[in-house]
Amino acid sequence: MTVTLRVAATAWAPGMVLRPWEDGDAAMLIEVYCDPLLRQWTRMPVRDRAEAAHWLAVRHKGWVTGDYVSFAVEEEREGEKRELVANVAVKGPRNATGVGEVGYWTAAAARGRGVASRALDALTDWAFGTYGDNGLHWLRLLHQVDNVASCRVAAKAGYDLDAVLPVRPPFPRRAICTSGAG
């Protein structure tokens, strides 16, 4: 399945395109992952071409199986090349429980502009529209309790705080908030 989602421009933000990750995204991915803050909150490192190839292979496999659907998010500015600004994903949208999980990250240069919440809105609508008739009725969002920016994204995208989960080593080392939309 090949899916491209579009988020319309607003008076304050350019339009965005959400598309499946491609092998040609490796160099941009490595550059984005140079950000220490992003590395702090993500599980799978991307420091070189081999790690980028592995990261992308996981996303490609997810599209094939339908178990982990991940989108590269790019901003569209008139007359300019599209810029990679984020990643959004939905895990398990077809599982038997009817509960999927969303996740996201934002490139350092794009933070504070509403990129993640706008992309998450589009992903949420698409996931329910695509998988809702097949049983998806709830999406949850897990994030570190001390990741204040992620808390803001969840709230802006309509994911209400549901619970704070206990720490379960080895990852994460801090408590996790769980929020949901359904």
C-alpha atoms as a PDB file:
ATOM      1  CA  MET A   1       0.000   0.000   0.000  1.00  0.00           C
ATOM      2  CA  THR A   2       1.339   3.427  -0.917  1.00  0.00           C
ATOM      3  CA  VAL A   3      -0.255   6.291   0.961  1.00  0.00           C
ATOM      4  CA  THR A   4       0.475   9.991   0.894  1.00  0.00           C
ATOM      5  CA  LEU A   5      -1.375  12.297   3.265  1.00  0.00           C
ATOM      6  CA  ARG A   6      -1.558  16.064   2.931  1.00  0.00           C
ATOM      7  CA  VAL A   7      -2.040  18.649   5.648  1.00  0.00           C
ATOM      8  CA  ALA A   8      -3.266  21.982   4.348  1.00  0.00           C
ATOM      9  CA  ALA A   9      -1.320  25.159   4.925  1.00  0.00           C
ATOM     10  CA  THR A  10      -2.713  27.583   7.482  1.00  0.00           C
ATOM     11  CA  ALA A  11      -2.184  31.296   7.997  1.00  0.00           C
ATOM     12  CA  TRP A  12       0.652  30.419  10.400  1.00  0.00           C
ATOM     13  CA  ALA A  13       2.144  27.211   8.965  1.00  0.00           C
ATOM     14  CA  PRO A  14       3.035  25.717   5.593  1.00  0.00           C
ATOM     15  CA  GLY A  15       1.337  22.630   4.228  1.00  0.00           C
ATOM     16  CA  MET A  16       2.798  19.218   4.979  1.00  0.00           C
ATOM     17  CA  VAL A  17       3.116  15.928   3.141  1.00  0.00           C
ATOM     18  CA  LEU A  18       3.164  12.625   5.043  1.00  0.00           C
ATOM     19  CA  ARG A  19       4.633   9.832   2.944  1.00  0.00           C
ATOM     20  CA  PRO A  20       6.215   6.425   3.489  1.00  0.00           C
ATOM     21  CA  TRP A  21       9.938   6.509   4.228  1.00  0.00           C
ATOM     22  CA  GLU A  22      12.257   5.795   1.286  1.00  0.00           C
ATOM     23  CA  ASP A  23      15.801   4.426   1.127  1.00  0.00           C
ATOM     24  CA  GLY A  24      16.897   7.804  -0.253  1.00  0.00           C
ATOM     25  CA  ASP A  25      15.976   9.398   3.091  1.00  0.00           C
ATOM     26  CA  ALA A  26      19.012   7.859   4.843  1.00  0.00           C
ATOM     27  CA  ALA A  27      21.255  10.948   4.753  1.00  0.00           C
ATOM     28  CA  MET A  28      18.484  13.238   6.056  1.00  0.00           C
ATOM     29  CA  LEU A  29      17.649  10.703   8.757  1.00  0.00           C
ATOM     30  CA  ILE A  30      21.251  10.573   9.970  1.00  0.00           C
ATOM     31  CA  GLU A  31      21.385  14.378  10.041  1.00  0.00           C
ATOM     32  CA  VAL A  32      18.143  14.654  12.037  1.00  0.00           C
ATOM     33  CA  TYR A  33      19.359  12.025  14.525  1.00  0.00           C
ATOM     34  CA  CYS A  34      22.461  14.093  15.318  1.00  0.00           C
ATOM     35  CA  ASP A  35      20.194  15.992  17.712  1.00  0.00           C
ATOM     36  CA  PRO A  36      20.945  14.904  21.315  1.00  0.00           C
ATOM     37  CA  LEU A  37      17.374  15.635  22.432  1.00  0.00           C
ATOM     38  CA  LEU A  38      15.927  13.344  19.781  1.00  0.00           C
ATOM     39  CA  ARG A  39      18.383  10.595  20.720  1.00  0.00           C
ATOM     40  CA  GLN A  40      17.380  10.994  24.377  1.00  0.00           C
ATOM     41  CA  TRP A  41      13.745  10.122  23.671  1.00  0.00           C
ATOM     42  CA  THR A  42      14.063   7.465  20.957  1.00  0.00           C
ATOM     43  CA  ARG A  43      15.007   3.814  21.222  1.00  0.00           C
ATOM     44  CA  MET A  44      16.651   3.013  17.901  1.00  0.00           C
ATOM     45  CA  PRO A  45      19.859   4.981  17.190  1.00  0.00           C
ATOM     46  CA  VAL A  46      20.668   6.268  13.717  1.00  0.00           C
ATOM     47  CA  ARG A  47      24.313   7.316  13.685  1.00  0.00           C
ATOM     48  CA  ASP A  48      25.523   6.000  10.340  1.00  0.00           C
ATOM     49  CA  ARG A  49      24.409   4.497   7.024  1.00  0.00           C
ATOM     50  CA  ALA A  50      24.105   0.966   8.439  1.00  0.00           C
ATOM     51  CA  GLU A  51      21.837   2.091  11.297  1.00  0.00           C
ATOM     52  CA  ALA A  52      19.826   4.261   8.890  1.00  0.00           C
ATOM     53  CA  ALA A  53      19.385   1.273   6.558  1.00  0.00           C
ATOM     54  CA  HIS A  54      18.179  -0.849   9.498  1.00  0.00           C
ATOM     55  CA  TRP A  55      15.802   1.900  10.695  1.00  0.00           C
ATOM     56  CA  LEU A  56      14.361   2.255   7.193  1.00  0.00           C
ATOM     57  CA  ALA A  57      14.098  -1.532   6.746  1.00  0.00           C
ATOM     58  CA  VAL A  58      11.958  -1.740   9.901  1.00  0.00           C
ATOM     59  CA  ARG A  59       9.637   0.909   8.453  1.00  0.00           C
ATOM     60  CA  HIS A  60       9.467  -0.806   5.040  1.00  0.00           C
ATOM     61  CA  LYS A  61       8.618  -4.136   6.693  1.00  0.00           C
ATOM     62  CA  GLY A  62       5.939  -2.402   8.781  1.00  0.00           C
ATOM     63  CA  TRP A  63       4.197  -1.200   5.622  1.00  0.00           C
ATOM     64  CA  VAL A  64       4.361  -4.689   4.106  1.00  0.00           C
ATOM     65  CA  THR A  65       2.877  -6.381   7.178  1.00  0.00           C
ATOM     66  CA  GLY A  66       0.598  -3.479   8.104  1.00  0.00           C
ATOM     67  CA  ASP A  67       1.771  -3.771  11.706  1.00  0.00           C
ATOM     68  CA  TYR A  68       3.843  -0.569  11.866  1.00  0.00           C
ATOM     69  CA  VAL A  69       2.948   2.216   9.469  1.00  0.00           C
ATOM     70  CA  SER A  70       5.393   5.109   9.562  1.00  0.00           C
ATOM     71  CA  PHE A  71       5.381   8.383   7.633  1.00  0.00           C
ATOM     72  CA  ALA A  72       8.136  10.877   6.875  1.00  0.00           C
ATOM     73  CA  VAL A  73       6.661  14.348   7.377  1.00  0.00           C
ATOM     74  CA  GLU A  74       7.827  17.130   5.087  1.00  0.00           C
ATOM     75  CA  GLU A  75       6.889  20.795   5.000  1.00  0.00           C
ATOM     76  CA  GLU A  76       6.013  22.340   1.660  1.00  0.00           C
ATOM     77  CA  ARG A  77       7.150  25.885   1.047  1.00  0.00           C
ATOM     78  CA  GLU A  78       6.441  27.444  -2.331  1.00  0.00           C
ATOM     79  CA  GLY A  79       9.478  27.412  -4.569  1.00  0.00           C
ATOM     80  CA  GLU A  80      11.590  25.385  -2.120  1.00  0.00           C
ATOM     81  CA  LYS A  81      12.528  21.743  -1.788  1.00  0.00           C
ATOM     82  CA  ARG A  82      10.374  19.951   0.793  1.00  0.00           C
ATOM     83  CA  GLU A  83      12.063  19.750   4.208  1.00  0.00           C
ATOM     84  CA  LEU A  84      11.948  16.678   6.483  1.00  0.00           C
ATOM     85  CA  VAL A  85      10.463  17.892   9.775  1.00  0.00           C
ATOM     86  CA  ALA A  86       9.058  14.856  11.593  1.00  0.00           C
ATOM     87  CA  ASN A  87       8.085  11.213  11.763  1.00  0.00           C
ATOM     88  CA  VAL A  88       4.677   9.859  12.770  1.00  0.00           C
ATOM     89  CA  ALA A  89       3.696   6.218  13.067  1.00  0.00           C
ATOM     90  CA  VAL A  90       0.880   3.947  14.100  1.00  0.00           C
ATOM     91  CA  LYS A  91       1.731   0.521  15.509  1.00  0.00           C
ATOM     92  CA  GLY A  92      -0.669  -2.413  15.550  1.00  0.00           C
ATOM     93  CA  PRO A  93      -3.613  -0.793  13.793  1.00  0.00           C
ATOM     94  CA  ARG A  94      -4.952  -4.214  12.807  1.00  0.00           C
ATOM     95  CA  ASN A  95      -4.359  -6.130  16.029  1.00  0.00           C
ATOM     96  CA  ALA A  96      -7.145  -8.195  17.569  1.00  0.00           C
ATOM     97  CA  THR A  97      -7.606  -5.892  20.563  1.00  0.00           C
ATOM     98  CA  GLY A  98      -8.684  -2.946  18.406  1.00  0.00           C
ATOM     99  CA  VAL A  99      -6.064  -0.782  20.114  1.00  0.00           C
ATOM    100  CA  GLY A 100      -3.167   0.752  18.187  1.00  0.00           C
ATOM    101  CA  GLU A 101      -0.371   2.996  19.356  1.00  0.00           C
ATOM    102  CA  VAL A 102       0.883   6.226  17.817  1.00  0.00           C
ATOM    103  CA  GLY A 103       4.326   7.736  18.099  1.00  0.00           C
ATOM    104  CA  TYR A 104       6.225  10.677  16.662  1.00  0.00           C
ATOM    105  CA  TRP A 105       9.348  12.771  16.762  1.00  0.00           C
ATOM    106  CA  THR A 106      10.143  16.226  15.444  1.00  0.00           C
ATOM    107  CA  ALA A 107      13.400  17.402  13.884  1.00  0.00           C
ATOM    108  CA  ALA A 108      15.159  20.025  16.017  1.00  0.00           C
ATOM    109  CA  ALA A 109      14.744  22.816  13.454  1.00  0.00           C
ATOM    110  CA  ALA A 110      10.965  22.271  13.326  1.00  0.00           C
ATOM    111  CA  ARG A 111      10.151  22.171  17.027  1.00  0.00           C
ATOM    112  CA  GLY A 112       7.687  24.627  18.518  1.00  0.00           C
ATOM    113  CA  ARG A 113       5.793  25.168  15.247  1.00  0.00           C
ATOM    114  CA  GLY A 114       2.942  22.688  15.726  1.00  0.00           C
ATOM    115  CA  VAL A 115       4.400  20.195  13.240  1.00  0.00           C
ATOM    116  CA  ALA A 116       3.958  17.084  15.394  1.00  0.00           C
ATOM    117  CA  SER A 117       0.404  17.844  16.525  1.00  0.00           C
ATOM    118  CA  ARG A 118      -0.742  18.654  12.967  1.00  0.00           C
ATOM    119  CA  ALA A 119       0.890  15.500  11.595  1.00  0.00           C
ATOM    120  CA  LEU A 120      -0.541  13.428  14.458  1.00  0.00           C
ATOM    121  CA  ASP A 121      -4.036  14.798  13.703  1.00  0.00           C
ATOM    122  CA  ALA A 122      -3.679  13.685  10.078  1.00  0.00           C
ATOM    123  CA  LEU A 123      -2.317  10.269  11.086  1.00  0.00           C
ATOM    124  CA  THR A 124      -5.111   9.743  13.632  1.00  0.00           C
ATOM    125  CA  ASP A 125      -7.834  10.597  11.111  1.00  0.00           C
ATOM    126  CA  TRP A 126      -6.221   8.357   8.489  1.00  0.00           C
ATOM    127  CA  ALA A 127      -5.768   5.429  10.896  1.00  0.00           C
ATOM    128  CA  PHE A 128      -9.402   5.447  12.023  1.00  0.00           C
ATOM    129  CA  GLY A 129     -10.592   5.959   8.436  1.00  0.00           C
ATOM    130  CA  THR A 130      -8.422   3.114   7.157  1.00  0.00           C
ATOM    131  CA  TYR A 131      -8.613   0.586   9.989  1.00  0.00           C
ATOM    132  CA  GLY A 132     -11.785   1.585  11.867  1.00  0.00           C
ATOM    133  CA  ASP A 133     -14.060  -0.718   9.872  1.00  0.00           C
ATOM    134  CA  ASN A 134     -11.656  -3.562  10.674  1.00  0.00           C
ATOM    135  CA  GLY A 135     -11.916  -3.087  14.438  1.00  0.00           C
ATOM    136  CA  LEU A 136      -9.563  -0.231  15.366  1.00  0.00           C
ATOM    137  CA  HIS A 137     -11.407   1.729  18.050  1.00  0.00           C
ATOM    138  CA  TRP A 138      -8.677   3.241  20.207  1.00  0.00           C
ATOM    139  CA  LEU A 139      -5.254   4.769  19.664  1.00  0.00           C
ATOM    140  CA  ARG A 140      -2.929   5.247  22.587  1.00  0.00           C
ATOM    141  CA  LEU A 141       0.099   7.442  22.821  1.00  0.00           C
ATOM    142  CA  LEU A 142       2.908   6.588  25.241  1.00  0.00           C
ATOM    143  CA  HIS A 143       5.567   9.114  26.135  1.00  0.00           C
ATOM    144  CA  GLN A 144       7.984   9.870  28.926  1.00  0.00           C
ATOM    145  CA  VAL A 145       6.323  11.766  31.758  1.00  0.00           C
ATOM    146  CA  ASP A 146       9.156  14.316  31.822  1.00  0.00           C
ATOM    147  CA  ASN A 147       9.032  14.973  28.074  1.00  0.00           C
ATOM    148  CA  VAL A 148       7.067  18.206  28.383  1.00  0.00           C
ATOM    149  CA  ALA A 149       7.012  18.880  24.644  1.00  0.00           C
ATOM    150  CA  SER A 150       5.520  15.460  23.964  1.00  0.00           C
ATOM    151  CA  CYS A 151       2.870  16.118  26.629  1.00  0.00           C
ATOM    152  CA  ARG A 152       1.909  19.320  24.764  1.00  0.00           C
ATOM    153  CA  VAL A 153       1.725  17.516  21.412  1.00  0.00           C
ATOM    154  CA  ALA A 154      -0.541  14.831  22.881  1.00  0.00           C
ATOM    155  CA  ALA A 155      -2.900  17.409  24.373  1.00  0.00           C
ATOM    156  CA  LYS A 156      -3.010  19.557  21.202  1.00  0.00           C
ATOM    157  CA  ALA A 157      -3.830  16.483  19.107  1.00  0.00           C
ATOM    158  CA  GLY A 158      -6.693  15.462  21.413  1.00  0.00           C
ATOM    159  CA  TYR A 159      -4.991  12.603  23.245  1.00  0.00           C
ATOM    160  CA  ASP A 160      -6.246  12.952  26.806  1.00  0.00           C
ATOM    161  CA  LEU A 161      -4.080  11.799  29.712  1.00  0.00           C
ATOM    162  CA  ASP A 162      -5.284   8.396  30.817  1.00  0.00           C
ATOM    163  CA  ALA A 163      -2.672   7.130  33.270  1.00  0.00           C
ATOM    164  CA  VAL A 164       0.916   7.303  34.426  1.00  0.00           C
ATOM    165  CA  LEU A 165       2.489   3.881  34.113  1.00  0.00           C
ATOM    166  CA  PRO A 166       5.197   2.570  36.446  1.00  0.00           C
ATOM    167  CA  VAL A 167       8.802   2.347  35.336  1.00  0.00           C
ATOM    168  CA  ARG A 168       9.775  -0.933  33.654  1.00  0.00           C
ATOM    169  CA  PRO A 169      13.521  -1.280  33.004  1.00  0.00           C
ATOM    170  CA  PRO A 170      15.577  -1.410  30.919  1.00  0.00           C
ATOM    171  CA  PHE A 171      13.692   1.193  28.864  1.00  0.00           C
ATOM    172  CA  PRO A 172      12.284   3.572  29.770  1.00  0.00           C
ATOM    173  CA  ARG A 173      14.009   4.632  32.925  1.00  0.00           C
ATOM    174  CA  ARG A 174      11.276   7.119  33.779  1.00  0.00           C
ATOM    175  CA  ALA A 175       7.521   6.797  34.156  1.00  0.00           C
ATOM    176  CA  ILE A 176       5.379   6.945  31.048  1.00  0.00           C
ATOM    177  CA  CYS A 177       2.133   8.831  30.432  1.00  0.00           C
ATOM    178  CA  THR A 178      -0.487   7.048  28.398  1.00  0.00           C
ATOM    179  CA  SER A 179      -3.037   9.112  26.526  1.00  0.00           C
ATOM    180  CA  GLY A 180      -5.761   8.002  24.179  1.00  0.00           C
ATOM    181  CA  ALA A 181      -8.084   8.974  21.376  1.00  0.00           C
ATOM    182  CA  GLY A 182     -10.988   6.944  20.228  1.00  0.00           C
END
